[in-house]
N, C-alpha and C. Protein backbone atom coordinates (compact mmCIF):
# COMPACT_ATOMS: atom_id res chain seq x y z
N MET A 1 19.89 72.82 88.38
CA MET A 1 18.61 72.45 87.82
C MET A 1 17.58 72.39 88.94
N ILE A 2 16.39 72.91 88.69
CA ILE A 2 15.34 72.86 89.70
C ILE A 2 14.60 71.53 89.62
N SER A 3 14.11 71.06 90.75
CA SER A 3 13.33 69.83 90.74
C SER A 3 11.88 70.17 90.43
N ILE A 4 11.19 69.25 89.78
CA ILE A 4 9.81 69.48 89.36
C ILE A 4 8.91 68.48 90.06
N LYS A 5 7.85 68.98 90.67
CA LYS A 5 6.83 68.11 91.26
C LYS A 5 5.51 68.40 90.55
N LYS A 6 4.57 67.48 90.67
CA LYS A 6 3.27 67.66 90.03
C LYS A 6 2.56 68.86 90.64
N PRO A 7 2.14 69.84 89.81
CA PRO A 7 1.44 71.01 90.33
C PRO A 7 0.06 70.64 90.88
N GLN A 8 -0.35 71.35 91.93
CA GLN A 8 -1.65 71.11 92.56
C GLN A 8 -2.76 71.99 91.99
N ASN A 9 -2.39 73.06 91.27
CA ASN A 9 -3.39 73.95 90.69
C ASN A 9 -2.78 74.69 89.50
N ARG A 10 -3.56 75.50 88.84
CA ARG A 10 -3.10 76.22 87.65
C ARG A 10 -1.97 77.19 87.95
N THR A 11 -2.04 77.85 89.09
CA THR A 11 -0.99 78.81 89.44
C THR A 11 0.35 78.11 89.61
N GLU A 12 0.35 76.97 90.32
CA GLU A 12 1.59 76.21 90.49
C GLU A 12 2.12 75.73 89.14
N ALA A 13 1.24 75.30 88.25
CA ALA A 13 1.67 74.84 86.92
C ALA A 13 2.31 75.98 86.14
N ALA A 14 1.67 77.14 86.14
CA ALA A 14 2.22 78.30 85.42
C ALA A 14 3.54 78.74 86.04
N ASN A 15 3.63 78.73 87.37
CA ASN A 15 4.88 79.12 88.03
C ASN A 15 6.02 78.15 87.71
N THR A 16 5.72 76.85 87.60
CA THR A 16 6.74 75.87 87.23
C THR A 16 7.27 76.13 85.84
N ILE A 17 6.37 76.37 84.88
CA ILE A 17 6.78 76.69 83.51
C ILE A 17 7.61 77.97 83.51
N PHE A 18 7.15 78.96 84.25
CA PHE A 18 7.85 80.25 84.35
C PHE A 18 9.27 80.07 84.88
N LYS A 19 9.44 79.28 85.95
CA LYS A 19 10.76 79.04 86.54
C LYS A 19 11.69 78.33 85.57
N LEU A 20 11.15 77.34 84.84
CA LEU A 20 11.97 76.62 83.86
C LEU A 20 12.44 77.54 82.75
N LEU A 21 11.53 78.38 82.23
CA LEU A 21 11.91 79.31 81.17
C LEU A 21 12.91 80.34 81.68
N LYS A 22 12.70 80.82 82.89
CA LYS A 22 13.62 81.80 83.48
C LYS A 22 15.01 81.18 83.66
N GLU A 23 15.06 79.91 84.10
CA GLU A 23 16.34 79.24 84.28
C GLU A 23 17.07 79.09 82.95
N PHE A 24 16.34 78.79 81.89
CA PHE A 24 16.95 78.59 80.58
C PHE A 24 17.39 79.90 79.94
N TRP A 25 16.50 80.92 79.95
CA TRP A 25 16.79 82.19 79.27
C TRP A 25 17.44 83.24 80.16
N GLY A 26 17.35 83.09 81.48
CA GLY A 26 17.95 84.07 82.38
C GLY A 26 16.94 85.10 82.85
N ASP A 27 17.45 86.10 83.57
CA ASP A 27 16.59 87.09 84.20
C ASP A 27 16.04 88.16 83.26
N CYS A 28 16.58 88.27 82.08
CA CYS A 28 16.17 89.35 81.17
C CYS A 28 15.20 88.86 80.12
N VAL A 29 14.15 88.18 80.55
CA VAL A 29 13.15 87.70 79.61
C VAL A 29 11.77 87.83 80.23
N SER A 30 10.79 88.17 79.41
CA SER A 30 9.40 88.21 79.81
C SER A 30 8.72 87.01 79.17
N VAL A 31 7.84 86.35 79.90
CA VAL A 31 7.21 85.12 79.43
C VAL A 31 5.71 85.29 79.37
N LYS A 32 5.11 84.89 78.24
CA LYS A 32 3.66 84.86 78.10
C LYS A 32 3.28 83.41 77.80
N ILE A 33 2.39 82.83 78.60
CA ILE A 33 2.00 81.42 78.46
C ILE A 33 0.57 81.35 77.95
N PHE A 34 0.36 80.55 76.89
CA PHE A 34 -0.97 80.35 76.31
C PHE A 34 -1.35 78.88 76.48
N THR A 35 -2.59 78.62 76.87
CA THR A 35 -3.07 77.25 76.95
C THR A 35 -4.41 77.14 76.24
N ASN A 36 -4.64 76.00 75.63
CA ASN A 36 -5.94 75.70 75.02
C ASN A 36 -6.11 74.19 74.99
N SER A 37 -7.13 73.72 74.31
CA SER A 37 -7.43 72.29 74.32
C SER A 37 -6.36 71.45 73.62
N THR A 38 -5.52 72.07 72.79
CA THR A 38 -4.50 71.31 72.07
C THR A 38 -3.14 71.31 72.77
N GLY A 39 -2.97 72.11 73.81
CA GLY A 39 -1.70 72.10 74.53
C GLY A 39 -1.29 73.45 75.07
N ILE A 40 0.01 73.59 75.33
CA ILE A 40 0.58 74.80 75.91
C ILE A 40 1.58 75.40 74.93
N ASP A 41 1.53 76.71 74.79
CA ASP A 41 2.50 77.43 73.97
C ASP A 41 3.00 78.60 74.80
N PHE A 42 4.18 79.07 74.51
CA PHE A 42 4.68 80.22 75.25
C PHE A 42 5.44 81.15 74.32
N GLU A 43 5.51 82.40 74.72
CA GLU A 43 6.23 83.43 73.98
C GLU A 43 7.19 84.09 74.95
N THR A 44 8.42 84.32 74.51
CA THR A 44 9.39 85.01 75.36
C THR A 44 9.85 86.29 74.68
N ARG A 45 10.10 87.29 75.48
CA ARG A 45 10.64 88.57 75.00
C ARG A 45 11.74 88.98 75.95
N GLU A 46 12.82 89.47 75.39
CA GLU A 46 13.93 89.89 76.25
C GLU A 46 13.64 91.26 76.85
N LYS A 47 13.38 91.27 78.15
CA LYS A 47 13.22 92.50 78.92
C LYS A 47 13.27 92.11 80.39
N PRO A 48 13.59 93.01 81.27
CA PRO A 48 13.73 92.65 82.69
C PRO A 48 12.41 92.18 83.30
N PHE A 49 12.52 91.23 84.24
CA PHE A 49 11.36 90.82 85.01
C PHE A 49 10.95 91.93 85.95
N THR A 50 9.68 92.02 86.26
CA THR A 50 9.19 92.92 87.29
C THR A 50 8.83 92.05 88.49
N ILE A 51 9.50 92.26 89.59
CA ILE A 51 9.30 91.43 90.77
C ILE A 51 7.91 91.69 91.36
N ASP A 52 7.29 90.62 91.89
CA ASP A 52 5.98 90.66 92.53
C ASP A 52 4.85 90.96 91.55
N TYR A 53 5.02 90.63 90.30
CA TYR A 53 3.93 90.76 89.34
C TYR A 53 3.52 89.39 88.84
N SER A 54 2.26 89.24 88.54
CA SER A 54 1.70 87.98 88.07
C SER A 54 2.06 87.74 86.62
N MET A 55 1.98 86.48 86.20
CA MET A 55 2.17 86.15 84.80
C MET A 55 0.89 86.36 84.00
N ARG A 56 -0.22 86.49 84.66
CA ARG A 56 -1.48 86.66 83.95
C ARG A 56 -1.56 88.04 83.33
N THR A 57 -2.10 88.11 82.13
CA THR A 57 -2.23 89.40 81.47
C THR A 57 -3.64 89.57 80.94
N ILE A 58 -4.10 90.79 80.88
CA ILE A 58 -5.35 91.15 80.22
C ILE A 58 -4.98 92.26 79.26
N ASN A 59 -5.24 92.05 77.98
CA ASN A 59 -4.88 93.02 76.94
C ASN A 59 -3.40 93.38 76.97
N GLY A 60 -2.55 92.41 77.36
CA GLY A 60 -1.11 92.62 77.35
C GLY A 60 -0.55 93.38 78.52
N ASN A 61 -1.37 93.77 79.49
CA ASN A 61 -0.89 94.52 80.65
C ASN A 61 -0.62 93.57 81.81
N TRP A 62 0.48 93.80 82.52
CA TRP A 62 0.79 92.99 83.70
C TRP A 62 -0.12 93.39 84.85
N LEU A 63 -0.63 92.40 85.56
CA LEU A 63 -1.49 92.66 86.71
C LEU A 63 -0.73 92.33 87.99
N PRO A 64 -0.90 93.10 89.06
CA PRO A 64 -0.21 92.80 90.31
C PRO A 64 -0.63 91.44 90.86
N ARG A 65 0.33 90.71 91.42
CA ARG A 65 0.05 89.41 92.04
C ARG A 65 -0.75 89.63 93.32
N LYS A 66 -1.72 88.77 93.56
CA LYS A 66 -2.51 88.82 94.78
C LYS A 66 -2.18 87.59 95.60
N ASP A 67 -2.02 87.74 96.91
CA ASP A 67 -1.74 86.59 97.77
C ASP A 67 -2.87 85.59 97.67
N GLY A 68 -2.54 84.31 97.55
CA GLY A 68 -3.55 83.27 97.43
C GLY A 68 -4.16 83.16 96.06
N ASP A 69 -3.61 83.82 95.05
CA ASP A 69 -4.13 83.78 93.68
C ASP A 69 -3.99 82.38 93.12
N THR A 70 -5.09 81.81 92.62
CA THR A 70 -5.03 80.47 92.04
C THR A 70 -5.54 80.46 90.63
């Protein structure tokens, strides 16, 4: 089990959720996280992760991760 600390920014929060979902479902899942004023929702799809890609999407397309992205 991974330890959880309070996230310092949005990227850390999303990465924590991502790690928890990956630990539960395994490596063959894609995760989409939605947030709004009422809370957090997520969608999972079974497919391989792409290493070094961000969780952020625009029109459903994966965007490359940028160093220092917050």
